[in-house]
């Protein structure tokens, strides 16, 4: 089905697309933030464990 070339309809579609893209990028941003938070939480202790293990093996 072809839609009539209605300007307000076109604008509405465009606005919806923009809003969806914005929501999607915000969602991805928050996911990355959460991931970075988890990494910053667990990575230091993991690195400390690795360093301790390698130091223990040397001595």
PDB file of N, CA and C in Angstrom:
ATOM      1  N   UNK A   1       0.852  -1.193   0.000  1.00  0.00           N
ATOM      2  CA  UNK A   1       0.000   0.000   0.000  1.00  0.00           C
ATOM      3  C   UNK A   1       0.888   1.245   0.000  1.00  0.00           C
ATOM      4  N   UNK A   2       0.611   2.129  -0.964  1.00  0.00           N
ATOM      5  CA  UNK A   2       1.387   3.373  -1.030  1.00  0.00           C
ATOM      6  C   UNK A   2       0.691   4.460  -0.239  1.00  0.00           C
ATOM      7  N   UNK A   3       1.473   5.175   0.551  1.00  0.00           N
ATOM      8  CA  UNK A   3       0.895   6.295   1.298  1.00  0.00           C
ATOM      9  C   UNK A   3       0.875   7.518   0.409  1.00  0.00           C
ATOM     10  N   UNK A   4      -0.098   8.395   0.644  1.00  0.00           N
ATOM     11  CA  UNK A   4      -0.124   9.672  -0.056  1.00  0.00           C
ATOM     12  C   UNK A   4       1.050  10.512   0.422  1.00  0.00           C
ATOM     13  N   UNK A   5       1.529  11.397  -0.436  1.00  0.00           N
ATOM     14  CA  UNK A   5       2.676  12.216  -0.071  1.00  0.00           C
ATOM     15  C   UNK A   5       2.209  13.346   0.842  1.00  0.00           C
ATOM     16  N   UNK A   6       1.913  12.987   2.076  1.00  0.00           N
ATOM     17  CA  UNK A   6       1.436  13.972   3.040  1.00  0.00           C
ATOM     18  C   UNK A   6       2.628  14.482   3.843  1.00  0.00           C
ATOM     19  N   UNK A   7       2.792  15.791   3.861  1.00  0.00           N
ATOM     20  CA  UNK A   7       3.969  16.385   4.504  1.00  0.00           C
ATOM     21  C   UNK A   7       3.987  16.078   6.000  1.00  0.00           C
ATOM     22  N   UNK A   8       2.851  16.250   6.667  1.00  0.00           N
ATOM     23  CA  UNK A   8       2.818  16.031   8.115  1.00  0.00           C
ATOM     24  C   UNK A   8       3.128  14.566   8.432  1.00  0.00           C
ATOM     25  N   UNK A   9       2.635  13.663   7.573  1.00  0.00           N
ATOM     26  CA  UNK A   9       2.895  12.239   7.766  1.00  0.00           C
ATOM     27  C   UNK A   9       4.386  11.945   7.611  1.00  0.00           C
ATOM     28  N   UNK A  10       4.982  12.537   6.581  1.00  0.00           N
ATOM     29  CA  UNK A  10       6.414  12.352   6.339  1.00  0.00           C
ATOM     30  C   UNK A  10       7.214  12.856   7.539  1.00  0.00           C
ATOM     31  N   UNK A  11       6.873  14.047   8.013  1.00  0.00           N
ATOM     32  CA  UNK A  11       7.570  14.618   9.160  1.00  0.00           C
ATOM     33  C   UNK A  11       7.433  13.719  10.372  1.00  0.00           C
ATOM     34  N   UNK A  12       6.231  13.175  10.563  1.00  0.00           N
ATOM     35  CA  UNK A  12       5.989  12.307  11.706  1.00  0.00           C
ATOM     36  C   UNK A  12       6.869  11.064  11.627  1.00  0.00           C
ATOM     37  N   UNK A  13       6.940  10.460  10.441  1.00  0.00           N
ATOM     38  CA  UNK A  13       7.802   9.285  10.254  1.00  0.00           C
ATOM     39  C   UNK A  13       9.242   9.640  10.565  1.00  0.00           C
ATOM     40  N   UNK A  14       9.667  10.800  10.077  1.00  0.00           N
ATOM     41  CA  UNK A  14      11.042  11.241  10.279  1.00  0.00           C
ATOM     42  C   UNK A  14      11.315  11.425  11.772  1.00  0.00           C
ATOM     43  N   UNK A  15      10.381  12.058  12.462  1.00  0.00           N
ATOM     44  CA  UNK A  15      10.539  12.287  13.903  1.00  0.00           C
ATOM     45  C   UNK A  15      10.600  10.956  14.643  1.00  0.00           C
ATOM     46  N   UNK A  16       9.728  10.023  14.263  1.00  0.00           N
ATOM     47  CA  UNK A  16       9.742   8.699  14.896  1.00  0.00           C
ATOM     48  C   UNK A  16      11.073   7.997  14.671  1.00  0.00           C
ATOM     49  N   UNK A  17      11.585   8.089  13.441  1.00  0.00           N
ATOM     50  CA  UNK A  17      12.872   7.466  13.140  1.00  0.00           C
ATOM     51  C   UNK A  17      13.979   8.088  13.979  1.00  0.00           C
ATOM     52  N   UNK A  18      13.968   9.411  14.072  1.00  0.00           N
ATOM     53  CA  UNK A  18      14.985  10.113  14.859  1.00  0.00           C
ATOM     54  C   UNK A  18      14.895   9.689  16.313  1.00  0.00           C
ATOM     55  N   UNK A  19      13.665   9.608  16.827  1.00  0.00           N
ATOM     56  CA  UNK A  19      13.462   9.239  18.228  1.00  0.00           C
ATOM     57  C   UNK A  19      13.947   7.815  18.475  1.00  0.00           C
ATOM     58  N   UNK A  20      13.620   6.904  17.556  1.00  0.00           N
ATOM     59  CA  UNK A  20      14.065   5.513  17.700  1.00  0.00           C
ATOM     60  C   UNK A  20      15.588   5.431  17.685  1.00  0.00           C
ATOM     61  N   UNK A  21      16.213   6.168  16.771  1.00  0.00           N
ATOM     62  CA  UNK A  21      17.674   6.149  16.672  1.00  0.00           C
ATOM     63  C   UNK A  21      18.287   6.696  17.955  1.00  0.00           C
ATOM     64  N   UNK A  22      17.693   7.753  18.483  1.00  0.00           N
ATOM     65  CA  UNK A  22      18.197   8.365  19.710  1.00  0.00           C
ATOM     66  C   UNK A  22      18.066   7.396  20.875  1.00  0.00           C
ATOM     67  N   UNK A  23      16.901   6.761  20.988  1.00  0.00           N
ATOM     68  CA  UNK A  23      16.685   5.793  22.067  1.00  0.00           C
ATOM     69  C   UNK A  23      17.670   4.639  21.949  1.00  0.00           C
ATOM     70  N   UNK A  24      17.880   4.166  20.744  1.00  0.00           N
ATOM     71  CA  UNK A  24      18.786   3.045  20.519  1.00  0.00           C
ATOM     72  C   UNK A  24      20.208   3.425  20.913  1.00  0.00           C
ATOM     73  N   UNK A  25      20.658   4.614  20.495  1.00  0.00           N
ATOM     74  CA  UNK A  25      22.025   5.020  20.812  1.00  0.00           C
ATOM     75  C   UNK A  25      22.182   5.265  22.309  1.00  0.00           C
ATOM     76  N   UNK A  26      21.151   5.820  22.939  1.00  0.00           N
ATOM     77  CA  UNK A  26      21.203   6.013  24.390  1.00  0.00           C
ATOM     78  C   UNK A  26      21.278   4.670  25.102  1.00  0.00           C
ATOM     79  N   UNK A  27      20.492   3.706  24.620  1.00  0.00           N
ATOM     80  CA  UNK A  27      20.490   2.365  25.209  1.00  0.00           C
ATOM     81  C   UNK A  27      21.877   1.732  25.091  1.00  0.00           C
ATOM     82  N   UNK A  28      22.469   1.838  23.890  1.00  0.00           N
ATOM     83  CA  UNK A  28      23.807   1.287  23.676  1.00  0.00           C
ATOM     84  C   UNK A  28      24.813   1.968  24.593  1.00  0.00           C
ATOM     85  N   UNK A  29      24.655   3.303  24.740  1.00  0.00           N
ATOM     86  CA  UNK A  29      25.561   4.079  25.588  1.00  0.00           C
ATOM     87  C   UNK A  29      25.487   3.585  27.027  1.00  0.00           C
ATOM     88  N   UNK A  30      24.253   3.376  27.513  1.00  0.00           N
ATOM     89  CA  UNK A  30      24.091   2.899  28.888  1.00  0.00           C
ATOM     90  C   UNK A  30      24.622   1.480  29.057  1.00  0.00           C
ATOM     91  N   UNK A  31      24.449   0.643  28.022  1.00  0.00           N
ATOM     92  CA  UNK A  31      24.990  -0.710  28.077  1.00  0.00           C
ATOM     93  C   UNK A  31      26.511  -0.663  28.196  1.00  0.00           C
ATOM     94  N   UNK A  32      27.139   0.213  27.387  1.00  0.00           N
ATOM     95  CA  UNK A  32      28.593   0.352  27.426  1.00  0.00           C
ATOM     96  C   UNK A  32      29.044   0.876  28.776  1.00  0.00           C
ATOM     97  N   UNK A  33      28.279   1.836  29.325  1.00  0.00           N
ATOM     98  CA  UNK A  33      28.616   2.371  30.647  1.00  0.00           C
ATOM     99  C   UNK A  33      28.566   1.262  31.688  1.00  0.00           C
ATOM    100  N   UNK A  34      27.521   0.457  31.631  1.00  0.00           N
ATOM    101  CA  UNK A  34      27.384  -0.647  32.572  1.00  0.00           C
ATOM    102  C   UNK A  34      28.532  -1.637  32.432  1.00  0.00           C
ATOM    103  N   UNK A  35      28.904  -1.918  31.184  1.00  0.00           N
ATOM    104  CA  UNK A  35      30.003  -2.834  30.919  1.00  0.00           C
ATOM    105  C   UNK A  35      31.307  -2.267  31.469  1.00  0.00           C
ATOM    106  N   UNK A  36      31.541  -0.981  31.219  1.00  0.00           N
ATOM    107  CA  UNK A  36      32.756  -0.331  31.713  1.00  0.00           C
ATOM    108  C   UNK A  36      32.782  -0.354  33.238  1.00  0.00           C
ATOM    109  N   UNK A  37      31.612  -0.158  33.846  1.00  0.00           N
ATOM    110  CA  UNK A  37      31.516  -0.181  35.309  1.00  0.00           C
ATOM    111  C   UNK A  37      31.890  -1.562  35.838  1.00  0.00           C
ATOM    112  N   UNK A  38      31.352  -2.609  35.197  1.00  0.00           N
ATOM    113  CA  UNK A  38      31.668  -3.978  35.612  1.00  0.00           C
ATOM    114  C   UNK A  38      33.155  -4.263  35.454  1.00  0.00           C
ATOM    115  N   UNK A  39      33.706  -3.841  34.313  1.00  0.00           N
ATOM    116  CA  UNK A  39      35.125  -4.086  34.046  1.00  0.00           C
ATOM    117  C   UNK A  39      35.982  -3.374  35.079  1.00  0.00           C
ATOM    118  N   UNK A  40      35.643  -2.116  35.388  1.00  0.00           N
ATOM    119  CA  UNK A  40      36.442  -1.357  36.352  1.00  0.00           C
ATOM    120  C   UNK A  40      36.294  -1.939  37.756  1.00  0.00           C
ATOM    121  N   UNK A  41      35.183  -2.642  37.983  1.00  0.00           N
ATOM    122  CA  UNK A  41      34.971  -3.271  39.288  1.00  0.00           C
ATOM    123  C   UNK A  41      35.815  -4.537  39.424  1.00  0.00           C
ATOM    124  N   UNK A  42      35.785  -5.370  38.370  1.00  0.00           N
ATOM    125  CA  UNK A  42      36.390  -6.698  38.473  1.00  0.00           C
ATOM    126  C   UNK A  42      37.826  -6.763  37.965  1.00  0.00           C
ATOM    127  N   UNK A  43      38.182  -5.884  37.034  1.00  0.00           N
ATOM    128  CA  UNK A  43      39.510  -5.967  36.430  1.00  0.00           C
ATOM    129  C   UNK A  43      40.637  -5.724  37.431  1.00  0.00           C
ATOM    130  N   UNK A  44      40.557  -4.709  38.301  1.00  0.00           N
ATOM    131  CA  UNK A  44      41.654  -4.489  39.255  1.00  0.00           C
ATOM    132  C   UNK A  44      41.934  -5.704  40.124  1.00  0.00           C
ATOM    133  N   UNK A  45      40.891  -6.314  40.685  1.00  0.00           N
ATOM    134  CA  UNK A  45      41.108  -7.481  41.548  1.00  0.00           C
ATOM    135  C   UNK A  45      41.675  -8.640  40.733  1.00  0.00           C
ATOM    136  N   UNK A  46      41.221  -8.767  39.489  1.00  0.00           N
ATOM    137  CA  UNK A  46      41.728  -9.824  38.610  1.00  0.00           C
ATOM    138  C   UNK A  46      43.214  -9.610  38.335  1.00  0.00           C
ATOM    139  N   UNK A  47      43.593  -8.350  38.041  1.00  0.00           N
ATOM    140  CA  UNK A  47      44.999  -8.024  37.779  1.00  0.00           C
ATOM    141  C   UNK A  47      45.841  -8.276  39.016  1.00  0.00           C
ATOM    142  N   UNK A  48      45.323  -7.902  40.178  1.00  0.00           N
ATOM    143  CA  UNK A  48      46.054  -8.109  41.432  1.00  0.00           C
ATOM    144  C   UNK A  48      46.286  -9.601  41.657  1.00  0.00           C
ATOM    145  N   UNK A  49      45.257 -10.406  41.378  1.00  0.00           N
ATOM    146  CA  UNK A  49      45.402 -11.862  41.517  1.00  0.00           C
ATOM    147  C   UNK A  49      46.495 -12.385  40.592  1.00  0.00           C
ATOM    148  N   UNK A  50      46.472 -11.917  39.335  1.00  0.00           N
ATOM    149  CA  UNK A  50      47.474 -12.364  38.368  1.00  0.00           C
ATOM    150  C   UNK A  50      48.871 -11.993  38.832  1.00  0.00           C
ATOM    151  N   UNK A  51      49.032 -10.751  39.282  1.00  0.00           N
ATOM    152  CA  UNK A  51      50.346 -10.276  39.731  1.00  0.00           C
ATOM    153  C   UNK A  51      50.807 -11.079  40.935  1.00  0.00           C
ATOM    154  N   UNK A  52      49.909 -11.301  41.878  1.00  0.00           N
ATOM    155  CA  UNK A  52      50.259 -12.082  43.075  1.00  0.00           C
ATOM    156  C   UNK A  52      50.684 -13.491  42.686  1.00  0.00           C
ATOM    157  N   UNK A  53      49.929 -14.100  41.756  1.00  0.00           N
ATOM    158  CA  UNK A  53      50.263 -15.459  41.321  1.00  0.00           C
ATOM    159  C   UNK A  53      51.646 -15.502  40.680  1.00  0.00           C
ATOM    160  N   UNK A  54      51.926 -14.539  39.805  1.00  0.00           N
ATOM    161  CA  UNK A  54      53.223 -14.550  39.125  1.00  0.00           C
ATOM    162  C   UNK A  54      54.347 -14.276  40.116  1.00  0.00           C
ATOM    163  N   UNK A  55      54.109 -13.422  41.111  1.00  0.00           N
ATOM    164  CA  UNK A  55      55.124 -13.136  42.131  1.00  0.00           C
ATOM    165  C   UNK A  55      55.356 -14.373  42.990  1.00  0.00           C
ATOM    166  N   UNK A  56      54.263 -15.060  43.340  1.00  0.00           N
ATOM    167  CA  UNK A  56      54.387 -16.280  44.152  1.00  0.00           C
ATOM    168  C   UNK A  56      55.170 -17.355  43.399  1.00  0.00           C
ATOM    169  N   UNK A  57      54.938 -17.449  42.083  1.00  0.00           N
ATOM    170  CA  UNK A  57      55.633 -18.466  41.295  1.00  0.00           C
ATOM    171  C   UNK A  57      57.124 -18.171  41.214  1.00  0.00           C
ATOM    172  N   UNK A  58      57.493 -16.888  41.154  1.00  0.00           N
ATOM    173  CA  UNK A  58      58.908 -16.523  41.036  1.00  0.00           C
ATOM    174  C   UNK A  58      59.658 -16.835  42.325  1.00  0.00           C
ATOM    175  N   UNK A  59      59.031 -16.568  43.459  1.00  0.00           N
ATOM    176  CA  UNK A  59      59.747 -16.742  44.732  1.00  0.00           C
ATOM    177  C   UNK A  59      59.804 -18.208  45.173  1.00  0.00           C
TER     178      UNK A  59
END
